């Protein structure tokens, strides 16, 4: 269970450059590689909001319906 928890924390590292590749994680879970040494304190994740109006767009829709009677 300890191995699984450590690999889970490793995969969830806030710095994506320090996360393992899938193969590395699987190797550790299969006891084919040693456990990684994780920091005692994980860094605080930083998330940046996109600037306003970056995703602004306009949507215009039109359609025509034609009904004809033939008698």
C-alpha atoms as a PDB file:
ATOM      1  CA  UNK A   1       0.000   0.000   0.000  1.00  0.00           C
ATOM      2  CA  UNK A   2       2.888   2.375   0.794  1.00  0.00           C
ATOM      3  CA  UNK A   3       4.328   1.909  -2.698  1.00  0.00           C
ATOM      4  CA  UNK A   4       0.980   2.752  -4.301  1.00  0.00           C
ATOM      5  CA  UNK A   5       0.556   5.899  -2.184  1.00  0.00           C
ATOM      6  CA  UNK A   6       4.063   7.140  -2.979  1.00  0.00           C
ATOM      7  CA  UNK A   7       3.614   6.570  -6.718  1.00  0.00           C
ATOM      8  CA  UNK A   8       0.229   8.324  -6.549  1.00  0.00           C
ATOM      9  CA  UNK A   9       1.793  11.379  -4.915  1.00  0.00           C
ATOM     10  CA  UNK A  10       4.633  11.289  -7.423  1.00  0.00           C
ATOM     11  CA  UNK A  11       2.165  11.257 -10.330  1.00  0.00           C
ATOM     12  CA  UNK A  12       0.201  14.150  -8.804  1.00  0.00           C
ATOM     13  CA  UNK A  13       3.248  16.382  -8.278  1.00  0.00           C
ATOM     14  CA  UNK A  14       2.259  20.049  -8.826  1.00  0.00           C
ATOM     15  CA  UNK A  15       5.274  20.571 -11.105  1.00  0.00           C
ATOM     16  CA  UNK A  16       4.427  18.596 -14.242  1.00  0.00           C
ATOM     17  CA  UNK A  17       8.140  18.363 -15.123  1.00  0.00           C
ATOM     18  CA  UNK A  18       8.751  16.300 -11.988  1.00  0.00           C
ATOM     19  CA  UNK A  19       5.976  13.772 -12.649  1.00  0.00           C
ATOM     20  CA  UNK A  20       7.039  10.327 -13.853  1.00  0.00           C
ATOM     21  CA  UNK A  21       6.397   8.839 -17.245  1.00  0.00           C
ATOM     22  CA  UNK A  22       3.819   6.035 -17.233  1.00  0.00           C
ATOM     23  CA  UNK A  23       6.585   3.476 -17.749  1.00  0.00           C
ATOM     24  CA  UNK A  24       8.501   4.796 -14.710  1.00  0.00           C
ATOM     25  CA  UNK A  25       5.416   4.589 -12.496  1.00  0.00           C
ATOM     26  CA  UNK A  26       4.591   1.069 -13.689  1.00  0.00           C
ATOM     27  CA  UNK A  27       8.174  -0.072 -13.101  1.00  0.00           C
ATOM     28  CA  UNK A  28       8.017   1.160  -9.509  1.00  0.00           C
ATOM     29  CA  UNK A  29       4.629  -0.498  -8.951  1.00  0.00           C
ATOM     30  CA  UNK A  30       6.004  -3.778 -10.352  1.00  0.00           C
ATOM     31  CA  UNK A  31       9.030  -3.612  -8.019  1.00  0.00           C
ATOM     32  CA  UNK A  32      11.314  -3.227 -11.057  1.00  0.00           C
ATOM     33  CA  UNK A  33      12.558   0.183  -9.881  1.00  0.00           C
ATOM     34  CA  UNK A  34      13.161   1.731  -6.496  1.00  0.00           C
ATOM     35  CA  UNK A  35      10.727   4.098  -4.835  1.00  0.00           C
ATOM     36  CA  UNK A  36      11.255   7.765  -5.694  1.00  0.00           C
ATOM     37  CA  UNK A  37      12.346  10.157  -2.972  1.00  0.00           C
ATOM     38  CA  UNK A  38       9.583  12.706  -2.592  1.00  0.00           C
ATOM     39  CA  UNK A  39      10.106  16.081  -0.909  1.00  0.00           C
ATOM     40  CA  UNK A  40       8.763  16.319   2.639  1.00  0.00           C
ATOM     41  CA  UNK A  41       6.764  19.393   1.585  1.00  0.00           C
ATOM     42  CA  UNK A  42       5.251  19.591  -1.868  1.00  0.00           C
ATOM     43  CA  UNK A  43       5.382  22.993  -3.563  1.00  0.00           C
ATOM     44  CA  UNK A  44       2.157  24.948  -3.707  1.00  0.00           C
ATOM     45  CA  UNK A  45       0.581  24.621  -7.155  1.00  0.00           C
ATOM     46  CA  UNK A  46       0.176  27.839  -9.120  1.00  0.00           C
ATOM     47  CA  UNK A  47      -2.688  28.220 -11.535  1.00  0.00           C
ATOM     48  CA  UNK A  48      -3.058  31.203 -13.796  1.00  0.00           C
ATOM     49  CA  UNK A  49      -6.390  32.386 -15.148  1.00  0.00           C
ATOM     50  CA  UNK A  50      -6.418  33.335 -18.823  1.00  0.00           C
ATOM     51  CA  UNK A  51      -6.763  37.055 -19.550  1.00  0.00           C
ATOM     52  CA  UNK A  52     -10.305  38.274 -20.038  1.00  0.00           C
ATOM     53  CA  UNK A  53     -11.723  38.346 -23.564  1.00  0.00           C
ATOM     54  CA  UNK A  54      -9.212  35.758 -24.750  1.00  0.00           C
ATOM     55  CA  UNK A  55     -11.967  33.364 -25.606  1.00  0.00           C
ATOM     56  CA  UNK A  56     -14.523  35.932 -26.737  1.00  0.00           C
ATOM     57  CA  UNK A  57     -16.212  35.083 -29.974  1.00  0.00           C
ATOM     58  CA  UNK A  58     -19.446  35.831 -31.762  1.00  0.00           C
ATOM     59  CA  UNK A  59     -21.848  33.284 -33.075  1.00  0.00           C
ATOM     60  CA  UNK A  60     -24.289  34.057 -35.824  1.00  0.00           C
ATOM     61  CA  UNK A  61     -26.773  31.530 -37.086  1.00  0.00           C
ATOM     62  CA  UNK A  62     -29.376  31.826 -39.774  1.00  0.00           C
ATOM     63  CA  UNK A  63     -31.630  29.440 -41.592  1.00  0.00           C
ATOM     64  CA  UNK A  64     -34.418  29.528 -44.122  1.00  0.00           C
ATOM     65  CA  UNK A  65     -37.472  27.331 -44.157  1.00  0.00           C
ATOM     66  CA  UNK A  66     -39.339  26.941 -47.415  1.00  0.00           C
ATOM     67  CA  UNK A  67     -42.750  25.330 -47.502  1.00  0.00           C
ATOM     68  CA  UNK A  68     -44.435  24.732 -50.818  1.00  0.00           C
ATOM     69  CA  UNK A  69     -47.831  23.281 -51.596  1.00  0.00           C
ATOM     70  CA  UNK A  70     -48.410  21.348 -54.739  1.00  0.00           C
ATOM     71  CA  UNK A  71     -51.909  20.617 -55.657  1.00  0.00           C
END
